[in-house]
Amino acid sequence: MSKSSKSRQAIVIIHGIGEQRPMDTLRAFVKTLQGFPSAGEATRVWNKPDKVSAGFEHRTLSLSATRTRPQTDVYELYWAHLANPSEEPTFTSWLISLFRRNPDLLPPRFRKVQKIGLIALVSGMILAIWAGRALPLDATLAALITLPLSGLLLSGIGYWLTGVYRGKIVDISRYFDSHPKNVQARNEVRKLGVDFLRGLHESPRRYGRIVVCGHSIGSAIGYDILQKLWFEMHETHKQLDCPKRDAKKALRRAIKNEDWSNIQTLQAEVFDEQLSAGNPWLVTDFVTLGSPLAHGDLLLASSLAAFRERLTDGELARCPPVLDLGAQQIGFMRKYQIEGGDYRSIELLPHHALFAVTRWTNIYFSRRFWLFGDPIAGPLKDVFGPGIRDVVVQGGGYWPRIRHNDYWRSDLPLAKKLVGGASYPLDALDDALRLDPVQKEMNSSDLPEN
């Protein structure tokens, strides 16, 4: 990437759900970036007013340039103030609606989860009834006592789950459930994000590249706002005398031949080709951490077939993009007139081809016993496309723990591979952000890919 390897660069971190405070995520994230090997010599951080965000609570933390890395401005897309209050549908009621779906419409891996959940529910009720009948009471009185107690117990468990997940990890129902009560808040969050990214593209700081990094539900917000902003920019181009399309042809061949070995290199080359043609798009990388999009085929559509149809139709961006079913091309041709009256044609990328130019790296903790590690996250290749680079990480330590909030913990070690080919999360994050684009060629990392 010629321009992005020399110019100033920006990172946007999008926080997850919960009672987040402005700047908390940004400060912790930048503290971790300072310790990366790519930082080289001691890195100075400048704390400046944020000229892109509309709020007064926000700042920009800028990492000084090194011999090989340009100055890096780090921003936080803060959206927690726009989230819905704790109204219905709650996490529990939304979760129950997922369990009530027709099993034939679910992704195969969720059919087991649905069966286990229903078996556990029925078993608990049977056990409660059996315990009531074992008491020295007649059957009617035992039923009158045990059935309400069973309902009270289930309500208590649901209330506890709602409180825990709403306040600490993620109440994903607020964002993924298209209930009318949620639509306005979702639109406000997305508009905030699109306006913010547009502001970075138009910034007088003239960024050479932008990296969008989303944690937890922030990854879904990042996915949505990238699609919307790409739709605004995808047809912009200069009136070139001889526009290039070699990189697009190479990417098309790779998609047609299902050759994913060099996909991120090809995406970087298409990015450069777009830039030289006058397209203003600057997002080179999308990095997801602990992303619930791993369950996108359950959360974003009413059935697996409906989800796949949305990917094929271009309603949801796939990585890499789908080829045109008829012409088997990655883009479409448009004619324009140059000076002198002659006509030229340029290949433009369609509205759903965001990931023809932007690389997607997904980092997630491996699960342990279904509850530990990161039970929310997982691989994305089988959900959103084989062009995604899935990197599984581990946190070390003997005792299992929930790792959903550990993706940039600065006290975790660096540069050490773990058993099973996994890495520590900071190694994976350093590699995915590519803060040192001069030294880091596309796909040069030896981090394990799942």
Protein backbone atom coordinates (compact mmCIF):
# COMPACT_ATOMS: atom_id res chain seq x y z
CA MET A 1 0.00 0.00 0.00
CA SER A 2 1.93 2.95 -1.26
CA LYS A 3 0.04 5.83 0.29
CA SER A 4 -1.04 4.08 3.50
CA SER A 5 2.52 2.97 4.28
CA LYS A 6 3.77 6.57 4.51
CA SER A 7 0.84 8.75 5.58
CA ARG A 8 -0.68 9.33 8.98
CA GLN A 9 -2.99 6.52 10.06
CA ALA A 10 -6.06 6.30 12.29
CA ILE A 11 -7.50 3.53 14.45
CA VAL A 12 -11.13 3.56 15.58
CA ILE A 13 -11.96 1.34 18.56
CA ILE A 14 -15.69 0.59 19.03
CA HIS A 15 -16.53 -0.54 22.55
CA GLY A 16 -18.94 -3.31 23.52
CA ILE A 17 -22.20 -3.22 25.45
CA GLY A 18 -22.54 -2.39 29.14
CA GLU A 19 -22.28 0.73 31.24
CA GLN A 20 -19.21 1.99 29.42
CA ARG A 21 -17.66 5.32 30.37
CA PRO A 22 -16.16 7.65 27.75
CA MET A 23 -12.38 7.24 27.30
CA ASP A 24 -12.06 4.11 29.50
CA THR A 25 -11.77 1.77 26.51
CA LEU A 26 -9.56 4.21 24.58
CA ARG A 27 -7.04 4.70 27.39
CA ALA A 28 -6.71 0.96 28.07
CA PHE A 29 -6.40 0.20 24.36
CA VAL A 30 -3.67 2.80 23.73
CA LYS A 31 -1.74 1.66 26.80
CA THR A 32 -1.59 -1.78 25.21
CA LEU A 33 -0.52 -0.39 21.82
CA GLN A 34 2.44 1.32 23.46
CA GLY A 35 3.81 -2.06 24.50
CA PHE A 36 3.64 -3.68 21.07
CA PRO A 37 6.91 -4.75 19.42
CA SER A 38 5.90 -2.65 16.39
CA ALA A 39 6.12 0.44 18.61
CA GLY A 40 9.89 0.19 18.40
CA GLU A 41 11.54 2.79 20.57
CA ALA A 42 9.69 4.43 23.45
CA THR A 43 6.44 5.79 22.05
CA ARG A 44 5.12 9.14 23.17
CA VAL A 45 1.36 9.70 23.44
CA TRP A 46 -0.29 13.06 22.84
CA ASN A 47 -3.71 13.66 24.39
CA LYS A 48 -5.68 16.06 22.19
CA PRO A 49 -9.27 17.23 21.76
CA ASP A 50 -11.23 15.06 19.37
CA LYS A 51 -12.17 17.15 16.33
CA VAL A 52 -14.24 14.37 14.75
CA SER A 53 -16.64 13.36 17.52
CA ALA A 54 -19.57 15.62 18.29
CA GLY A 55 -19.39 15.04 22.06
CA PHE A 56 -17.31 16.99 24.57
CA GLU A 57 -16.34 13.82 26.47
CA HIS A 58 -13.99 12.54 23.79
CA ARG A 59 -10.27 12.92 23.14
CA THR A 60 -7.80 11.66 20.55
CA LEU A 61 -4.72 9.78 21.75
CA SER A 62 -1.91 10.01 19.20
CA LEU A 63 1.10 7.66 19.12
CA SER A 64 4.26 9.32 17.90
CA ALA A 65 5.85 8.19 14.66
CA THR A 66 8.88 5.90 14.57
CA ARG A 67 11.43 5.19 11.84
CA THR A 68 9.08 2.73 10.18
CA ARG A 69 5.63 3.59 11.54
CA PRO A 70 3.69 6.79 10.77
CA GLN A 71 1.96 8.84 13.44
CA THR A 72 -1.12 6.97 14.63
CA ASP A 73 -4.24 8.71 15.92
CA VAL A 74 -6.51 6.50 18.02
CA TYR A 75 -10.19 7.36 18.42
CA GLU A 76 -13.07 5.81 20.34
CA LEU A 77 -16.48 5.56 18.72
CA TYR A 78 -18.52 6.01 21.88
CA TRP A 79 -22.17 5.06 21.51
CA ALA A 80 -23.33 3.77 24.94
CA HIS A 81 -25.36 6.94 25.61
CA LEU A 82 -27.63 6.02 22.66
CA ALA A 83 -28.37 2.47 23.82
CA ASN A 84 -31.92 1.61 24.81
CA PRO A 85 -32.74 1.53 28.54
CA SER A 86 -33.63 -1.80 30.11
CA GLU A 87 -37.02 -2.26 28.47
CA GLU A 88 -38.72 -5.33 27.06
CA PRO A 89 -37.72 -7.38 25.18
CA THR A 90 -35.17 -8.30 27.81
CA PHE A 91 -32.23 -10.56 27.22
CA THR A 92 -34.15 -13.51 28.64
CA SER A 93 -37.34 -13.02 26.59
CA TRP A 94 -35.28 -12.55 23.43
CA LEU A 95 -33.26 -15.67 24.22
CA ILE A 96 -36.46 -17.65 24.73
CA SER A 97 -37.68 -16.50 21.32
CA LEU A 98 -34.53 -17.98 19.78
CA PHE A 99 -35.13 -21.29 21.54
CA ARG A 100 -38.71 -21.39 20.26
CA ARG A 101 -37.65 -21.32 16.62
CA ASN A 102 -38.34 -24.26 14.37
CA PRO A 103 -35.22 -26.50 14.62
CA ASP A 104 -35.24 -27.01 10.85
CA LEU A 105 -34.59 -23.27 10.39
CA LEU A 106 -31.61 -23.11 12.74
CA PRO A 107 -27.92 -23.51 11.86
CA PRO A 108 -26.94 -27.14 12.66
CA ARG A 109 -24.71 -26.24 15.61
CA PHE A 110 -27.61 -24.48 17.37
CA ARG A 111 -29.97 -27.42 17.06
CA LYS A 112 -27.95 -29.25 19.71
CA VAL A 113 -27.99 -26.22 21.98
CA GLN A 114 -31.76 -25.94 21.57
CA LYS A 115 -32.25 -29.62 22.41
CA ILE A 116 -30.00 -29.43 25.46
CA GLY A 117 -31.80 -26.33 26.72
CA LEU A 118 -35.25 -27.86 26.30
CA ILE A 119 -34.15 -31.12 27.94
CA ALA A 120 -32.72 -29.19 30.89
CA LEU A 121 -35.94 -27.18 31.24
CA VAL A 122 -38.22 -30.21 31.12
CA SER A 123 -35.94 -32.17 33.45
CA GLY A 124 -35.97 -29.37 35.99
CA MET A 125 -39.76 -29.20 35.97
CA ILE A 126 -40.08 -32.99 36.29
CA LEU A 127 -37.64 -32.98 39.19
CA ALA A 128 -39.59 -30.23 40.93
CA ILE A 129 -42.87 -32.11 40.49
CA TRP A 130 -41.29 -35.36 41.72
CA ALA A 131 -39.93 -33.58 44.78
CA GLY A 132 -43.39 -32.18 45.51
CA ARG A 133 -45.03 -35.57 45.20
CA ALA A 134 -42.45 -37.01 47.58
CA LEU A 135 -43.72 -34.69 50.31
CA PRO A 136 -46.40 -36.03 52.69
CA LEU A 137 -49.12 -34.09 50.84
CA ASP A 138 -51.95 -35.11 48.56
CA ALA A 139 -51.38 -34.76 44.80
CA THR A 140 -53.47 -31.62 44.35
CA LEU A 141 -51.75 -29.72 47.14
CA ALA A 142 -48.31 -30.88 45.92
CA ALA A 143 -49.06 -29.57 42.41
CA LEU A 144 -50.33 -26.27 43.78
CA ILE A 145 -47.06 -25.84 45.67
CA THR A 146 -44.45 -27.19 43.24
CA LEU A 147 -45.67 -25.74 39.94
CA PRO A 148 -45.61 -22.09 41.13
CA LEU A 149 -42.27 -22.74 42.81
CA SER A 150 -40.90 -24.09 39.50
CA GLY A 151 -42.10 -20.98 37.69
CA LEU A 152 -40.64 -18.77 40.40
CA LEU A 153 -37.29 -20.57 40.15
CA LEU A 154 -37.17 -20.18 36.35
CA SER A 155 -38.13 -16.50 36.63
CA GLY A 156 -35.39 -15.99 39.20
CA ILE A 157 -32.79 -17.61 36.94
CA GLY A 158 -33.98 -15.47 34.03
CA TYR A 159 -33.82 -12.32 36.13
CA TRP A 160 -30.29 -13.17 37.25
CA LEU A 161 -29.15 -13.87 33.69
CA THR A 162 -30.69 -10.62 32.46
CA GLY A 163 -28.96 -8.59 35.15
CA VAL A 164 -25.56 -10.23 34.67
CA TYR A 165 -25.48 -10.03 30.90
CA ARG A 166 -27.02 -6.58 30.68
CA GLY A 167 -24.54 -4.98 33.02
CA LYS A 168 -21.32 -6.87 32.44
CA ILE A 169 -20.96 -8.67 29.14
CA VAL A 170 -23.52 -8.02 26.42
CA ASP A 171 -27.26 -7.57 26.07
CA ILE A 172 -27.18 -8.43 22.40
CA SER A 173 -30.97 -8.32 22.14
CA ARG A 174 -30.80 -4.51 22.20
CA TYR A 175 -28.92 -4.41 18.92
CA PHE A 176 -29.75 -7.62 17.06
CA ASP A 177 -33.47 -7.71 17.78
CA SER A 178 -35.34 -5.58 15.22
CA HIS A 179 -38.24 -5.01 17.60
CA PRO A 180 -39.85 -1.59 16.94
CA LYS A 181 -38.67 -0.38 20.34
CA ASN A 182 -35.05 -0.98 19.26
CA VAL A 183 -35.12 0.47 15.74
CA GLN A 184 -34.67 4.15 16.61
CA ALA A 185 -31.73 3.48 18.94
CA ARG A 186 -30.07 1.22 16.35
CA ASN A 187 -30.44 3.88 13.66
CA GLU A 188 -28.99 6.56 15.94
CA VAL A 189 -25.98 4.38 16.77
CA ARG A 190 -25.37 3.61 13.10
CA LYS A 191 -25.76 7.25 12.04
CA LEU A 192 -23.28 8.27 14.73
CA GLY A 193 -20.78 5.73 13.40
CA VAL A 194 -21.23 6.61 9.72
CA ASP A 195 -20.88 10.34 10.43
CA PHE A 196 -17.77 9.65 12.48
CA LEU A 197 -16.06 7.56 9.79
CA ARG A 198 -17.04 10.04 7.11
CA GLY A 199 -15.45 12.76 9.21
CA LEU A 200 -12.20 10.80 9.36
CA HIS A 201 -12.19 10.38 5.57
CA GLU A 202 -12.66 14.12 5.14
CA SER A 203 -10.25 15.12 7.92
CA PRO A 204 -7.60 17.77 7.10
CA ARG A 205 -5.09 15.36 8.63
CA ARG A 206 -5.30 13.46 5.33
CA TYR A 207 -5.08 9.92 6.63
CA GLY A 208 -3.49 7.29 4.43
CA ARG A 209 -5.35 4.42 6.07
CA ILE A 210 -8.02 3.81 8.68
CA VAL A 211 -8.40 0.69 10.81
CA VAL A 212 -11.78 -0.09 12.40
CA CYS A 213 -11.54 -2.36 15.44
CA GLY A 214 -14.74 -3.56 17.13
CA HIS A 215 -15.05 -5.43 20.42
CA SER A 216 -18.08 -7.56 21.25
CA ILE A 217 -21.25 -5.87 19.96
CA GLY A 218 -18.98 -3.07 18.72
CA SER A 219 -17.89 -5.46 15.96
CA ALA A 220 -21.49 -5.71 14.71
CA ILE A 221 -21.80 -1.91 14.81
CA GLY A 222 -18.55 -1.64 12.86
CA TYR A 223 -19.82 -4.12 10.27
CA ASP A 224 -23.03 -2.13 9.77
CA ILE A 225 -21.46 1.32 9.50
CA LEU A 226 -18.75 0.12 7.12
CA GLN A 227 -21.41 -1.25 4.79
CA LYS A 228 -23.36 2.01 4.86
CA LEU A 229 -20.35 4.28 4.27
CA TRP A 230 -19.01 2.04 1.49
CA PHE A 231 -22.39 2.36 -0.24
CA GLU A 232 -21.92 6.15 -0.22
CA MET A 233 -18.41 5.99 -1.69
CA HIS A 234 -18.19 2.93 -3.92
CA GLU A 235 -18.95 4.65 -7.25
CA THR A 236 -16.63 7.66 -6.84
CA HIS A 237 -13.72 7.81 -9.32
CA LYS A 238 -11.57 10.17 -11.40
CA GLN A 239 -11.92 10.71 -15.14
CA LEU A 240 -8.81 8.65 -15.92
CA ASP A 241 -7.46 8.16 -19.42
CA CYS A 242 -6.41 4.56 -18.72
CA PRO A 243 -7.93 3.12 -15.52
CA LYS A 244 -6.38 -0.08 -14.17
CA ARG A 245 -8.24 -3.25 -13.29
CA ASP A 246 -5.47 -5.86 -12.96
CA ALA A 247 -5.94 -6.24 -9.19
CA LYS A 248 -9.69 -6.72 -9.56
CA LYS A 249 -9.10 -9.38 -12.20
CA ALA A 250 -6.68 -11.21 -9.90
CA LEU A 251 -9.17 -11.11 -7.04
CA ARG A 252 -11.94 -12.36 -9.32
CA ARG A 253 -9.80 -15.32 -10.39
CA ALA A 254 -9.04 -16.18 -6.76
CA ILE A 255 -12.74 -16.09 -5.85
CA LYS A 256 -13.74 -18.13 -8.89
CA ASN A 257 -11.04 -20.75 -8.19
CA GLU A 258 -11.75 -20.67 -4.43
CA ASP A 259 -8.08 -19.92 -3.75
CA TRP A 260 -7.94 -18.14 -0.39
CA SER A 261 -4.20 -18.55 0.24
CA ASN A 262 -3.31 -14.98 -0.73
CA ILE A 263 -6.66 -13.26 -0.32
CA GLN A 264 -5.56 -10.42 1.99
CA THR A 265 -2.69 -9.50 -0.32
CA LEU A 266 -5.16 -9.28 -3.21
CA GLN A 267 -7.52 -7.13 -1.15
CA ALA A 268 -4.63 -4.75 -0.40
CA GLU A 269 -3.81 -4.52 -4.11
CA VAL A 270 -7.43 -3.75 -4.98
CA PHE A 271 -7.36 -1.04 -2.29
CA ASP A 272 -4.35 0.57 -3.99
CA GLU A 273 -6.00 0.27 -7.38
CA GLN A 274 -9.14 1.97 -6.08
CA LEU A 275 -7.10 4.72 -4.48
CA SER A 276 -5.23 5.43 -7.71
CA ALA A 277 -8.58 5.65 -9.52
CA GLY A 278 -9.71 8.42 -7.18
CA ASN A 279 -11.93 6.43 -4.83
CA PRO A 280 -11.83 8.05 -1.35
CA TRP A 281 -12.23 4.83 0.68
CA LEU A 282 -9.47 4.55 3.32
CA VAL A 283 -10.47 1.61 5.55
CA THR A 284 -7.78 -0.99 4.92
CA ASP A 285 -8.61 -3.30 7.83
CA PHE A 286 -11.58 -4.41 9.91
CA VAL A 287 -10.57 -6.20 13.12
CA THR A 288 -13.18 -7.98 15.26
CA LEU A 289 -12.50 -9.04 18.86
CA GLY A 290 -14.83 -11.40 20.73
CA SER A 291 -17.48 -10.91 18.09
CA PRO A 292 -21.05 -12.25 18.40
CA LEU A 293 -21.12 -12.12 14.59
CA ALA A 294 -19.83 -15.68 14.94
CA HIS A 295 -23.53 -16.43 15.43
CA GLY A 296 -24.68 -14.09 12.68
CA ASP A 297 -26.50 -16.89 10.86
CA LEU A 298 -28.76 -17.12 13.93
CA LEU A 299 -28.92 -13.45 14.94
CA LEU A 300 -29.30 -11.64 11.61
CA ALA A 301 -32.08 -13.65 9.98
CA SER A 302 -35.07 -15.79 10.85
CA SER A 303 -33.50 -18.90 9.34
CA LEU A 304 -30.23 -20.21 7.95
CA ALA A 305 -31.65 -20.12 4.42
CA ALA A 306 -32.71 -16.48 4.84
CA PHE A 307 -29.24 -15.54 6.09
CA ARG A 308 -27.52 -17.20 3.13
CA GLU A 309 -29.94 -15.47 0.76
CA ARG A 310 -29.00 -12.07 2.26
CA LEU A 311 -25.33 -12.81 1.66
CA THR A 312 -25.97 -13.90 -1.92
CA ASP A 313 -28.21 -10.91 -2.66
CA GLY A 314 -25.65 -8.44 -1.27
CA GLU A 315 -27.83 -7.25 1.60
CA LEU A 316 -25.04 -8.45 3.90
CA ALA A 317 -21.41 -7.98 2.89
CA ARG A 318 -19.49 -11.21 2.40
CA CYS A 319 -15.71 -11.59 2.61
CA PRO A 320 -14.70 -11.86 -0.18
CA PRO A 321 -17.69 -10.51 -2.13
CA VAL A 322 -19.82 -12.79 -4.26
CA LEU A 323 -19.33 -12.66 -8.01
CA ASP A 324 -22.10 -11.55 -10.33
CA LEU A 325 -24.12 -14.69 -11.02
CA GLY A 326 -24.40 -13.99 -14.75
CA ALA A 327 -21.17 -12.33 -15.84
CA GLN A 328 -19.04 -13.87 -13.06
CA GLN A 329 -17.37 -10.50 -12.53
CA ILE A 330 -16.45 -8.78 -9.30
CA GLY A 331 -17.57 -5.33 -10.52
CA PHE A 332 -19.51 -3.56 -13.25
CA MET A 333 -18.38 -1.32 -16.11
CA ARG A 334 -19.24 2.37 -16.43
CA LYS A 335 -18.48 4.65 -19.37
CA TYR A 336 -17.42 8.28 -19.01
CA GLN A 337 -16.11 11.02 -21.28
CA ILE A 338 -12.61 12.44 -20.94
CA GLU A 339 -11.16 15.69 -22.25
CA GLY A 340 -11.15 15.70 -26.02
CA GLY A 341 -14.50 13.91 -26.25
CA ASP A 342 -13.27 10.31 -26.18
CA TYR A 343 -14.98 7.69 -24.00
CA ARG A 344 -13.38 5.35 -21.48
CA SER A 345 -14.68 2.56 -19.28
CA ILE A 346 -13.84 1.88 -15.65
CA GLU A 347 -14.70 -1.14 -13.52
CA LEU A 348 -16.50 -0.08 -10.36
CA LEU A 349 -17.09 -2.27 -7.32
CA PRO A 350 -20.74 -2.80 -6.33
CA HIS A 351 -22.38 -1.73 -3.07
CA HIS A 352 -21.82 -5.12 -1.42
CA ALA A 353 -18.11 -5.44 -2.34
CA LEU A 354 -16.75 -3.75 0.78
CA PHE A 355 -14.42 -6.68 1.44
CA ALA A 356 -12.84 -6.50 -1.98
CA VAL A 357 -10.77 -3.62 -0.57
CA THR A 358 -10.91 -4.10 3.20
CA ARG A 359 -9.27 -7.04 4.99
CA TRP A 360 -11.16 -8.72 7.82
CA THR A 361 -9.29 -10.32 10.73
CA ASN A 362 -11.27 -11.98 13.52
CA ILE A 363 -9.64 -12.72 16.89
CA TYR A 364 -11.35 -14.88 19.50
CA PHE A 365 -10.53 -16.85 22.63
CA SER A 366 -11.03 -20.57 22.39
CA ARG A 367 -13.93 -21.89 24.48
CA ARG A 368 -13.37 -24.15 27.46
CA PHE A 369 -16.26 -26.25 28.75
CA TRP A 370 -18.66 -23.95 26.82
CA LEU A 371 -18.66 -21.37 29.64
CA PHE A 372 -15.02 -20.27 29.83
CA GLY A 373 -12.73 -18.58 27.35
CA ASP A 374 -15.13 -16.50 25.25
CA PRO A 375 -18.52 -18.23 24.86
CA ILE A 376 -19.86 -15.25 22.87
CA ALA A 377 -17.25 -15.37 20.10
CA GLY A 378 -15.96 -17.88 17.59
CA PRO A 379 -14.69 -18.30 14.02
CA LEU A 380 -16.34 -16.30 11.24
CA LYS A 381 -15.14 -18.01 8.05
CA ASP A 382 -18.07 -20.40 7.82
CA VAL A 383 -20.54 -17.58 8.51
CA PHE A 384 -19.39 -14.52 6.51
CA GLY A 385 -16.95 -16.01 4.03
CA PRO A 386 -13.59 -17.77 3.61
CA GLY A 387 -11.69 -14.50 3.07
CA ILE A 388 -11.82 -13.76 6.80
CA ARG A 389 -8.66 -14.50 8.74
CA ASP A 390 -9.72 -16.27 11.95
CA VAL A 391 -7.09 -16.24 14.70
CA VAL A 392 -7.75 -18.25 17.86
CA VAL A 393 -5.98 -17.11 21.03
CA GLN A 394 -5.55 -18.27 24.60
CA GLY A 395 -4.91 -16.35 27.79
CA GLY A 396 -2.58 -18.76 29.52
CA GLY A 397 -2.96 -19.75 33.15
CA TYR A 398 -4.08 -23.01 34.64
CA TRP A 399 -7.56 -22.14 35.86
CA PRO A 400 -10.31 -21.47 33.28
CA ARG A 401 -11.95 -18.05 33.31
CA ILE A 402 -14.19 -15.89 31.15
CA ARG A 403 -11.94 -14.02 28.70
CA HIS A 404 -14.41 -11.84 26.83
CA ASN A 405 -12.85 -8.60 28.11
CA ASP A 406 -9.21 -9.71 27.91
CA TYR A 407 -8.37 -8.96 24.27
CA TRP A 408 -6.10 -5.99 25.06
CA ARG A 409 -5.17 -6.63 28.67
CA SER A 410 -1.73 -5.04 28.94
CA ASP A 411 -0.54 -7.50 31.60
CA LEU A 412 -0.77 -10.49 29.24
CA PRO A 413 2.52 -11.67 27.70
CA LEU A 414 3.64 -11.01 24.13
CA ALA A 415 5.49 -13.05 21.52
CA LYS A 416 4.82 -16.48 22.93
CA LYS A 417 3.03 -19.32 21.21
CA LEU A 418 0.85 -21.61 23.29
CA VAL A 419 -0.10 -25.27 23.14
CA GLY A 420 -2.20 -26.18 20.12
CA GLY A 421 -0.85 -23.44 17.87
CA ALA A 422 -2.76 -20.62 19.55
CA SER A 423 -1.25 -17.27 20.47
CA TYR A 424 -1.68 -14.69 23.16
CA PRO A 425 -4.25 -12.04 22.13
CA LEU A 426 -1.74 -9.19 22.06
CA ASP A 427 0.36 -10.97 19.43
CA ALA A 428 -2.71 -11.42 17.28
CA LEU A 429 -3.89 -7.84 17.79
CA ASP A 430 -0.48 -6.38 16.94
CA ASP A 431 -0.41 -8.42 13.76
CA ALA A 432 -3.98 -7.56 12.74
CA LEU A 433 -3.69 -3.79 13.23
CA ARG A 434 -0.54 -3.60 11.09
CA LEU A 435 0.62 -0.39 12.75
CA ASP A 436 3.97 -0.75 10.99
CA PRO A 437 2.86 -1.06 7.34
CA VAL A 438 6.40 -0.46 6.04
CA GLN A 439 7.77 -3.64 7.57
CA LYS A 440 4.59 -5.74 7.59
CA GLU A 441 3.68 -7.09 4.19
CA MET A 442 0.22 -8.46 3.71
CA ASN A 443 -0.06 -12.00 5.10
CA SER A 444 3.52 -11.92 6.40
CA SER A 445 2.57 -13.01 9.92
CA ASP A 446 3.18 -16.52 11.14
CA LEU A 447 0.38 -16.36 13.66
CA PRO A 448 -1.76 -19.49 13.45
CA GLU A 449 -4.98 -19.25 11.51
CA ASN A 450 -7.93 -21.35 12.50
